[in-house]
Amino acid sequence: MLEFLNPLFFEGCAVAFDIPILYWIQEHLRCAFLDVFMPFITLFGDGGIFWIACAAVMLIFPKTRKTGLGMAFAMMIGLVVCNMTLKPLVARIRPYDLQAELGVTIQLLCEAQHDFSFPSGHTIASFEACTVLMLGNKKMGIPATILAIAIAFSRLYLYLHYPTD
């Protein structure tokens, strides 16, 4: 019933499903522009700082205060559920570490991470924030959603996460 908590389950998924997608991205989309752009885009998700700053600014103005509170609340729930609970519980190794175990060296474009892969904190925080923004104000929600998608894709492009993270 809780087979998904077994590390071998995730390793099997990675080898059968995730790694081929990551290879495809590397073989067909990798280019000099994205090699510079993706490490920059992924910074917007680091520690959720960008989204926290957006929520803090929104808390200042009465018109956006409710949305700012919603963003802050959503990100706190995500921190507890995803980063503090699921990451250590599932303990999924990062794709470049799995590749190393299989004898393949991956040249990373940014610094290696020292926590587990599942779920992606960058992606969770970004989609929590953009969802609240979309519900509160589509003018802000649409660009936030585009940025969240770019951040999520950057994590795959940079070989830091699996598609199923």
C-alpha atoms as a PDB file:
ATOM      1  CA  MET A   1       0.000   0.000   0.000  1.00  0.00           C
ATOM      2  CA  LEU A   2       2.815   2.458   0.830  1.00  0.00           C
ATOM      3  CA  GLU A   3       5.084   1.064  -1.877  1.00  0.00           C
ATOM      4  CA  PHE A   4       5.825   4.615  -3.078  1.00  0.00           C
ATOM      5  CA  LEU A   5       7.791   5.210   0.143  1.00  0.00           C
ATOM      6  CA  ASN A   6      10.231   2.459  -0.823  1.00  0.00           C
ATOM      7  CA  PRO A   7      13.390   4.054  -2.334  1.00  0.00           C
ATOM      8  CA  LEU A   8      13.583   1.236  -4.891  1.00  0.00           C
ATOM      9  CA  PHE A   9      10.165   2.280  -6.208  1.00  0.00           C
ATOM     10  CA  PHE A  10      11.491   5.755  -7.023  1.00  0.00           C
ATOM     11  CA  GLU A  11      14.721   4.388  -8.440  1.00  0.00           C
ATOM     12  CA  GLY A  12      12.715   2.141 -10.776  1.00  0.00           C
ATOM     13  CA  CYS A  13      10.546   5.089 -11.834  1.00  0.00           C
ATOM     14  CA  ALA A  14      13.636   7.178 -12.430  1.00  0.00           C
ATOM     15  CA  VAL A  15      15.359   4.625 -14.626  1.00  0.00           C
ATOM     16  CA  ALA A  16      12.239   3.756 -16.607  1.00  0.00           C
ATOM     17  CA  PHE A  17      10.562   7.158 -16.931  1.00  0.00           C
ATOM     18  CA  ASP A  18      12.465  10.142 -15.564  1.00  0.00           C
ATOM     19  CA  ILE A  19      16.028   9.649 -16.832  1.00  0.00           C
ATOM     20  CA  PRO A  20      14.942   9.281 -20.497  1.00  0.00           C
ATOM     21  CA  ILE A  21      13.117  12.615 -20.238  1.00  0.00           C
ATOM     22  CA  LEU A  22      16.160  14.282 -18.674  1.00  0.00           C
ATOM     23  CA  TYR A  23      18.365  12.798 -21.426  1.00  0.00           C
ATOM     24  CA  TRP A  24      15.952  14.119 -24.068  1.00  0.00           C
ATOM     25  CA  ILE A  25      16.123  17.613 -22.571  1.00  0.00           C
ATOM     26  CA  GLN A  26      19.929  17.470 -22.540  1.00  0.00           C
ATOM     27  CA  GLU A  27      20.166  16.124 -26.100  1.00  0.00           C
ATOM     28  CA  HIS A  28      17.542  18.310 -27.786  1.00  0.00           C
ATOM     29  CA  LEU A  29      17.180  21.535 -25.809  1.00  0.00           C
ATOM     30  CA  ARG A  30      20.600  22.209 -24.343  1.00  0.00           C
ATOM     31  CA  CYS A  31      22.213  25.323 -25.810  1.00  0.00           C
ATOM     32  CA  ALA A  32      24.544  28.135 -24.770  1.00  0.00           C
ATOM     33  CA  PHE A  33      21.686  30.576 -24.102  1.00  0.00           C
ATOM     34  CA  LEU A  34      19.779  28.193 -21.812  1.00  0.00           C
ATOM     35  CA  ASP A  35      23.025  27.157 -20.099  1.00  0.00           C
ATOM     36  CA  VAL A  36      23.227  30.767 -18.863  1.00  0.00           C
ATOM     37  CA  PHE A  37      19.497  31.511 -18.550  1.00  0.00           C
ATOM     38  CA  MET A  38      18.394  28.445 -16.562  1.00  0.00           C
ATOM     39  CA  PRO A  39      20.813  28.913 -13.626  1.00  0.00           C
ATOM     40  CA  PHE A  40      19.539  32.503 -13.437  1.00  0.00           C
ATOM     41  CA  ILE A  41      15.848  31.510 -13.560  1.00  0.00           C
ATOM     42  CA  THR A  42      16.280  28.839 -10.898  1.00  0.00           C
ATOM     43  CA  LEU A  43      17.528  31.520  -8.482  1.00  0.00           C
ATOM     44  CA  PHE A  44      13.973  32.899  -8.302  1.00  0.00           C
ATOM     45  CA  GLY A  45      12.996  29.727  -6.457  1.00  0.00           C
ATOM     46  CA  ASP A  46      15.977  29.577  -4.053  1.00  0.00           C
ATOM     47  CA  GLY A  47      14.555  29.331  -0.560  1.00  0.00           C
ATOM     48  CA  GLY A  48      11.316  30.817  -1.840  1.00  0.00           C
ATOM     49  CA  ILE A  49      12.907  34.234  -1.201  1.00  0.00           C
ATOM     50  CA  PHE A  50      11.462  35.870  -4.326  1.00  0.00           C
ATOM     51  CA  TRP A  51       7.949  34.659  -3.516  1.00  0.00           C
ATOM     52  CA  ILE A  52       8.310  35.565   0.153  1.00  0.00           C
ATOM     53  CA  ALA A  53       9.398  39.068  -0.870  1.00  0.00           C
ATOM     54  CA  CYS A  54       6.381  39.346  -3.192  1.00  0.00           C
ATOM     55  CA  ALA A  55       4.054  38.290  -0.366  1.00  0.00           C
ATOM     56  CA  ALA A  56       5.718  40.752   2.032  1.00  0.00           C
ATOM     57  CA  VAL A  57       5.276  43.642  -0.411  1.00  0.00           C
ATOM     58  CA  MET A  58       1.646  42.675  -0.945  1.00  0.00           C
ATOM     59  CA  LEU A  59       1.058  42.691   2.823  1.00  0.00           C
ATOM     60  CA  ILE A  60       1.962  46.400   2.902  1.00  0.00           C
ATOM     61  CA  PHE A  61      -0.909  47.499   0.677  1.00  0.00           C
ATOM     62  CA  PRO A  62      -4.533  47.057   1.822  1.00  0.00           C
ATOM     63  CA  LYS A  63      -5.683  46.201  -1.719  1.00  0.00           C
ATOM     64  CA  THR A  64      -3.305  43.206  -1.968  1.00  0.00           C
ATOM     65  CA  ARG A  65      -3.051  42.262   1.717  1.00  0.00           C
ATOM     66  CA  LYS A  66      -5.468  39.318   1.451  1.00  0.00           C
ATOM     67  CA  THR A  67      -3.514  37.840  -1.462  1.00  0.00           C
ATOM     68  CA  GLY A  68      -0.217  38.387   0.375  1.00  0.00           C
ATOM     69  CA  LEU A  69      -1.588  36.558   3.421  1.00  0.00           C
ATOM     70  CA  GLY A  70      -2.779  33.726   1.178  1.00  0.00           C
ATOM     71  CA  MET A  71       0.655  33.412  -0.399  1.00  0.00           C
ATOM     72  CA  ALA A  72       2.384  33.407   2.985  1.00  0.00           C
ATOM     73  CA  PHE A  73      -0.012  30.793   4.358  1.00  0.00           C
ATOM     74  CA  ALA A  74       0.315  28.553   1.279  1.00  0.00           C
ATOM     75  CA  MET A  75       4.116  28.711   1.387  1.00  0.00           C
ATOM     76  CA  MET A  76       4.192  27.900   5.115  1.00  0.00           C
ATOM     77  CA  ILE A  77       2.016  24.840   4.536  1.00  0.00           C
ATOM     78  CA  GLY A  78       4.241  23.813   1.614  1.00  0.00           C
ATOM     79  CA  LEU A  79       7.361  24.214   3.736  1.00  0.00           C
ATOM     80  CA  VAL A  80       5.999  21.945   6.454  1.00  0.00           C
ATOM     81  CA  VAL A  81       4.353  19.333   4.227  1.00  0.00           C
ATOM     82  CA  CYS A  82       6.865  19.169   1.399  1.00  0.00           C
ATOM     83  CA  ASN A  83      10.280  20.231   2.639  1.00  0.00           C
ATOM     84  CA  MET A  84      10.100  19.226   6.286  1.00  0.00           C
ATOM     85  CA  THR A  85       7.939  16.088   5.971  1.00  0.00           C
ATOM     86  CA  LEU A  86       8.002  14.535   2.492  1.00  0.00           C
ATOM     87  CA  LYS A  87      11.648  15.179   1.567  1.00  0.00           C
ATOM     88  CA  PRO A  88      13.121  13.291   4.544  1.00  0.00           C
ATOM     89  CA  LEU A  89      10.341  10.671   4.523  1.00  0.00           C
ATOM     90  CA  VAL A  90      10.739   9.746   0.850  1.00  0.00           C
ATOM     91  CA  ALA A  91      14.516  10.463   0.747  1.00  0.00           C
ATOM     92  CA  ARG A  92      14.788  10.354  -3.044  1.00  0.00           C
ATOM     93  CA  ILE A  93      18.316  10.929  -4.279  1.00  0.00           C
ATOM     94  CA  ARG A  94      18.958  13.559  -6.914  1.00  0.00           C
ATOM     95  CA  PRO A  95      19.239  12.509 -10.573  1.00  0.00           C
ATOM     96  CA  TYR A  96      22.939  13.333 -10.835  1.00  0.00           C
ATOM     97  CA  ASP A  97      23.605  11.148  -7.772  1.00  0.00           C
ATOM     98  CA  LEU A  98      21.614   8.275  -9.306  1.00  0.00           C
ATOM     99  CA  GLN A  99      23.581   8.686 -12.510  1.00  0.00           C
ATOM    100  CA  ALA A 100      26.838   8.586 -10.521  1.00  0.00           C
ATOM    101  CA  GLU A 101      25.708   5.294  -8.955  1.00  0.00           C
ATOM    102  CA  LEU A 102      25.128   3.978 -12.488  1.00  0.00           C
ATOM    103  CA  GLY A 103      28.619   5.115 -13.553  1.00  0.00           C
ATOM    104  CA  VAL A 104      27.542   8.209 -15.498  1.00  0.00           C
ATOM    105  CA  THR A 105      29.031  11.602 -14.675  1.00  0.00           C
ATOM    106  CA  ILE A 106      26.784  14.605 -15.152  1.00  0.00           C
ATOM    107  CA  GLN A 107      28.347  18.034 -15.635  1.00  0.00           C
ATOM    108  CA  LEU A 108      26.179  20.358 -13.552  1.00  0.00           C
ATOM    109  CA  LEU A 109      25.701  23.994 -14.519  1.00  0.00           C
ATOM    110  CA  CYS A 110      25.145  25.054 -10.910  1.00  0.00           C
ATOM    111  CA  GLU A 111      26.078  23.918  -7.445  1.00  0.00           C
ATOM    112  CA  ALA A 112      25.052  20.411  -6.374  1.00  0.00           C
ATOM    113  CA  GLN A 113      22.254  20.296  -3.810  1.00  0.00           C
ATOM    114  CA  HIS A 114      22.736  18.596  -0.454  1.00  0.00           C
ATOM    115  CA  ASP A 115      19.168  17.576   0.322  1.00  0.00           C
ATOM    116  CA  PHE A 116      16.780  15.096  -1.240  1.00  0.00           C
ATOM    117  CA  SER A 117      15.094  15.502  -4.594  1.00  0.00           C
ATOM    118  CA  PHE A 118      11.398  14.806  -3.959  1.00  0.00           C
ATOM    119  CA  PRO A 119       9.494  17.080  -3.915  1.00  0.00           C
ATOM    120  CA  SER A 120      11.054  20.116  -5.561  1.00  0.00           C
ATOM    121  CA  GLY A 121      10.893  22.970  -3.063  1.00  0.00           C
ATOM    122  CA  HIS A 122      11.530  25.495  -5.847  1.00  0.00           C
ATOM    123  CA  THR A 123       8.573  24.195  -7.822  1.00  0.00           C
ATOM    124  CA  ILE A 124       6.248  23.817  -4.831  1.00  0.00           C
ATOM    125  CA  ALA A 125       6.831  27.372  -3.579  1.00  0.00           C
ATOM    126  CA  SER A 126       6.497  28.804  -7.093  1.00  0.00           C
ATOM    127  CA  PHE A 127       3.205  27.088  -7.837  1.00  0.00           C
ATOM    128  CA  GLU A 128       1.786  27.834  -4.400  1.00  0.00           C
ATOM    129  CA  ALA A 129       2.513  31.510  -4.952  1.00  0.00           C
ATOM    130  CA  CYS A 130       1.292  31.681  -8.551  1.00  0.00           C
ATOM    131  CA  THR A 131      -1.915  29.814  -7.702  1.00  0.00           C
ATOM    132  CA  VAL A 132      -2.788  32.293  -4.964  1.00  0.00           C
ATOM    133  CA  LEU A 133      -1.846  35.175  -7.251  1.00  0.00           C
ATOM    134  CA  MET A 134      -3.981  33.774 -10.067  1.00  0.00           C
ATOM    135  CA  LEU A 135      -6.963  33.472  -7.751  1.00  0.00           C
ATOM    136  CA  GLY A 136      -6.416  36.970  -6.360  1.00  0.00           C
ATOM    137  CA  ASN A 137      -5.388  38.900  -9.449  1.00  0.00           C
ATOM    138  CA  LYS A 138      -4.985  37.411 -12.931  1.00  0.00           C
ATOM    139  CA  LYS A 139      -2.828  40.351 -14.056  1.00  0.00           C
ATOM    140  CA  MET A 140      -0.209  39.253 -11.524  1.00  0.00           C
ATOM    141  CA  GLY A 141      -1.093  35.563 -11.700  1.00  0.00           C
ATOM    142  CA  ILE A 142      -0.344  35.033 -15.373  1.00  0.00           C
ATOM    143  CA  PRO A 143       3.276  36.294 -15.265  1.00  0.00           C
ATOM    144  CA  ALA A 144       3.762  34.460 -11.953  1.00  0.00           C
ATOM    145  CA  THR A 145       2.544  31.236 -13.574  1.00  0.00           C
ATOM    146  CA  ILE A 146       4.914  31.703 -16.506  1.00  0.00           C
ATOM    147  CA  LEU A 147       7.770  32.255 -14.048  1.00  0.00           C
ATOM    148  CA  ALA A 148       6.728  29.187 -12.006  1.00  0.00           C
ATOM    149  CA  ILE A 149       6.749  27.034 -15.155  1.00  0.00           C
ATOM    150  CA  ALA A 150      10.180  28.394 -16.093  1.00  0.00           C
ATOM    151  CA  ILE A 151      11.515  27.668 -12.589  1.00  0.00           C
ATOM    152  CA  ALA A 152      10.111  24.120 -12.657  1.00  0.00           C
ATOM    153  CA  PHE A 153      11.634  23.491 -16.084  1.00  0.00           C
ATOM    154  CA  SER A 154      14.967  24.964 -14.969  1.00  0.00           C
ATOM    155  CA  ARG A 155      15.181  22.289 -12.267  1.00  0.00           C
ATOM    156  CA  LEU A 156      14.921  19.598 -14.973  1.00  0.00           C
ATOM    157  CA  TYR A 157      17.253  21.374 -17.381  1.00  0.00           C
ATOM    158  CA  LEU A 158      19.863  21.726 -14.637  1.00  0.00           C
ATOM    159  CA  TYR A 159      19.533  17.999 -13.808  1.00  0.00           C
ATOM    160  CA  LEU A 160      18.626  18.805 -10.189  1.00  0.00           C
ATOM    161  CA  HIS A 161      15.187  17.136 -10.211  1.00  0.00           C
ATOM    162  CA  TYR A 162      13.282  14.374 -11.925  1.00  0.00           C
ATOM    163  CA  PRO A 163      10.100  15.176 -13.887  1.00  0.00           C
ATOM    164  CA  THR A 164       8.109  13.256 -11.268  1.00  0.00           C
ATOM    165  CA  ASP A 165       9.444  15.454  -8.448  1.00  0.00           C
END
